[in-house]
Amino acid sequence: MANFKPEILELYEAAKKARENSYSPYSGFKVGAALRTVDGKIFAGCNVENSSYGATICAERGAIQTAAAAVGSFKIKEILVVTDASPAWPPCGLCRQVITEFSDNATLHVTNLKGELRTLLMAEIFPNPFTAADLKK
């Protein structure tokens, strides 16, 4: 998108490309996500649905799983999610929890194919996540 900053456009293009491979025969909603790690690596994923619905993998978690498989431990600096919905969809609750596991209040960009963009911090949409610190209490 012409009005995106170059670093956001880079994530957008990776997410949009992954979105094209979405396996979404049940909902018909294609979703792509791309994340940038704190060391600058980009990983993308798409939603992969399943007839049992509960076994569906969202694009955000797909990108995170791809990153984990490639580099092991990492931290997310920012993550972008692209859909065709207007307004653009934020991550679901399960994805918010998983994003939190791999970030220290990452920047979240939600956008759509029209270029509508909203940027916020994970703490704004998920202010009190369950974390490893809670397991020590």
Protein backbone atom coordinates (compact mmCIF):
# COMPACT_ATOMS: atom_id res chain seq x y z
CA MET A 1 0.00 0.00 0.00
CA ALA A 2 1.35 3.35 -1.05
CA ASN A 3 0.73 5.07 2.29
CA PHE A 4 2.40 2.39 4.43
CA LYS A 5 5.84 3.07 5.90
CA PRO A 6 8.47 0.82 4.23
CA GLU A 7 8.82 -1.46 7.27
CA ILE A 8 5.04 -1.97 7.46
CA LEU A 9 4.83 -2.49 3.70
CA GLU A 10 7.45 -5.23 3.98
CA LEU A 11 5.32 -7.06 6.54
CA TYR A 12 2.16 -6.41 4.52
CA GLU A 13 3.63 -7.95 1.38
CA ALA A 14 4.82 -11.05 3.28
CA ALA A 15 1.42 -11.46 4.99
CA LYS A 16 -0.50 -10.89 1.77
CA LYS A 17 1.59 -13.51 -0.02
CA ALA A 18 1.02 -16.04 2.78
CA ARG A 19 -2.71 -15.19 2.75
CA GLU A 20 -2.91 -16.39 -0.84
CA ASN A 21 -2.12 -19.91 0.43
CA SER A 22 -4.85 -19.87 3.06
CA TYR A 23 -6.76 -23.11 3.42
CA SER A 24 -10.18 -21.75 4.33
CA PRO A 25 -12.90 -23.89 2.71
CA TYR A 26 -15.27 -23.59 5.69
CA SER A 27 -15.29 -19.88 6.50
CA GLY A 28 -14.11 -18.57 3.15
CA PHE A 29 -12.05 -15.95 5.02
CA LYS A 30 -8.41 -15.82 4.00
CA VAL A 31 -6.04 -14.40 6.60
CA GLY A 32 -2.31 -13.77 6.41
CA ALA A 33 0.13 -12.67 9.08
CA ALA A 34 3.77 -11.70 9.14
CA LEU A 35 5.95 -10.98 12.12
CA ARG A 36 9.31 -9.29 12.50
CA THR A 37 11.57 -10.53 15.26
CA VAL A 38 13.62 -8.14 17.36
CA ASP A 39 16.66 -9.11 15.25
CA GLY A 40 14.85 -8.20 12.02
CA LYS A 41 13.85 -11.60 10.61
CA ILE A 42 10.42 -11.88 8.98
CA PHE A 43 8.20 -14.95 9.14
CA ALA A 44 4.73 -15.35 7.65
CA GLY A 45 1.77 -17.67 8.03
CA CYS A 46 -1.81 -18.17 6.87
CA ASN A 47 -4.92 -19.63 8.41
CA VAL A 48 -5.39 -23.37 7.95
CA GLU A 49 -8.92 -24.51 8.72
CA ASN A 50 -10.11 -27.93 9.74
CA SER A 51 -13.57 -29.47 9.59
CA SER A 52 -13.48 -29.86 13.38
CA TYR A 53 -13.00 -26.07 13.68
CA GLY A 54 -11.09 -26.42 16.96
CA ALA A 55 -8.07 -27.76 15.09
CA THR A 56 -7.92 -24.65 12.91
CA ILE A 57 -4.66 -22.69 13.02
CA CYS A 58 -4.94 -18.92 12.72
CA ALA A 59 -2.47 -17.02 10.53
CA GLU A 60 -0.82 -15.38 13.54
CA ARG A 61 -0.06 -18.69 15.21
CA GLY A 62 1.05 -20.09 11.85
CA ALA A 63 3.64 -17.32 11.52
CA ILE A 64 4.81 -17.90 15.09
CA GLN A 65 5.13 -21.66 14.52
CA THR A 66 7.11 -21.01 11.33
CA ALA A 67 9.48 -18.73 13.24
CA ALA A 68 9.90 -21.23 16.08
CA ALA A 69 10.65 -24.04 13.61
CA ALA A 70 13.24 -21.88 11.86
CA VAL A 71 15.07 -20.20 14.72
CA GLY A 72 13.88 -21.69 18.01
CA SER A 73 13.63 -19.00 20.65
CA PHE A 74 12.78 -15.47 19.46
CA LYS A 75 10.91 -12.31 20.41
CA ILE A 76 8.37 -10.54 18.21
CA LYS A 77 8.99 -6.85 17.60
CA GLU A 78 5.87 -6.36 15.47
CA ILE A 79 3.20 -8.42 13.79
CA LEU A 80 0.83 -7.57 10.95
CA VAL A 81 -2.46 -9.31 10.16
CA VAL A 82 -4.19 -8.85 6.79
CA THR A 83 -7.76 -9.84 5.93
CA ASP A 84 -10.36 -8.62 3.47
CA ALA A 85 -12.67 -7.53 6.32
CA SER A 86 -13.53 -3.89 6.92
CA PRO A 87 -12.67 -2.90 9.53
CA ALA A 88 -9.66 -5.20 9.68
CA TRP A 89 -9.85 -7.98 12.26
CA PRO A 90 -7.65 -8.05 15.35
CA PRO A 91 -6.21 -11.37 16.55
CA CYS A 92 -8.52 -13.75 18.42
CA GLY A 93 -8.01 -14.38 22.13
CA LEU A 94 -5.96 -17.54 21.63
CA CYS A 95 -3.64 -15.73 19.20
CA ARG A 96 -3.29 -12.82 21.62
CA GLN A 97 -2.11 -15.25 24.29
CA VAL A 98 0.41 -16.88 21.95
CA ILE A 99 1.70 -13.53 20.65
CA THR A 100 2.23 -12.48 24.27
CA GLU A 101 4.30 -15.62 24.91
CA PHE A 102 6.76 -14.48 22.24
CA SER A 103 6.83 -10.72 22.79
CA ASP A 104 7.39 -7.92 25.22
CA ASN A 105 4.37 -5.81 24.23
CA ALA A 106 4.81 -6.14 20.46
CA THR A 107 3.41 -3.61 18.02
CA LEU A 108 0.33 -4.95 16.25
CA HIS A 109 -0.79 -3.79 12.80
CA VAL A 110 -4.21 -4.90 11.55
CA THR A 111 -5.05 -4.12 7.95
CA ASN A 112 -7.06 -5.26 4.98
CA LEU A 113 -6.74 -5.39 1.22
CA LYS A 114 -8.13 -1.84 0.99
CA GLY A 115 -5.17 -0.54 3.00
CA GLU A 116 -7.14 0.44 6.10
CA LEU A 117 -4.56 0.22 8.87
CA ARG A 118 -4.74 0.35 12.64
CA THR A 119 -1.59 0.13 14.75
CA LEU A 120 -1.52 -0.46 18.50
CA LEU A 121 0.40 -2.26 21.18
CA MET A 122 -0.52 -5.74 22.33
CA ALA A 123 -1.05 -4.40 25.86
CA GLU A 124 -3.86 -2.22 24.51
CA ILE A 125 -5.89 -5.20 23.28
CA PHE A 126 -4.64 -7.78 25.80
CA PRO A 127 -3.84 -5.87 29.00
CA ASN A 128 -3.59 -8.73 31.50
CA PRO A 129 -2.19 -11.84 29.82
CA PHE A 130 -1.41 -15.05 31.63
CA THR A 131 2.39 -15.29 31.61
CA ALA A 132 5.20 -17.47 32.92
CA ALA A 133 5.39 -15.19 35.96
CA ASP A 134 1.89 -16.33 36.94
CA LEU A 135 3.12 -19.92 37.14
CA LYS A 136 5.57 -18.90 39.89
CA LYS A 137 2.97 -17.43 42.22
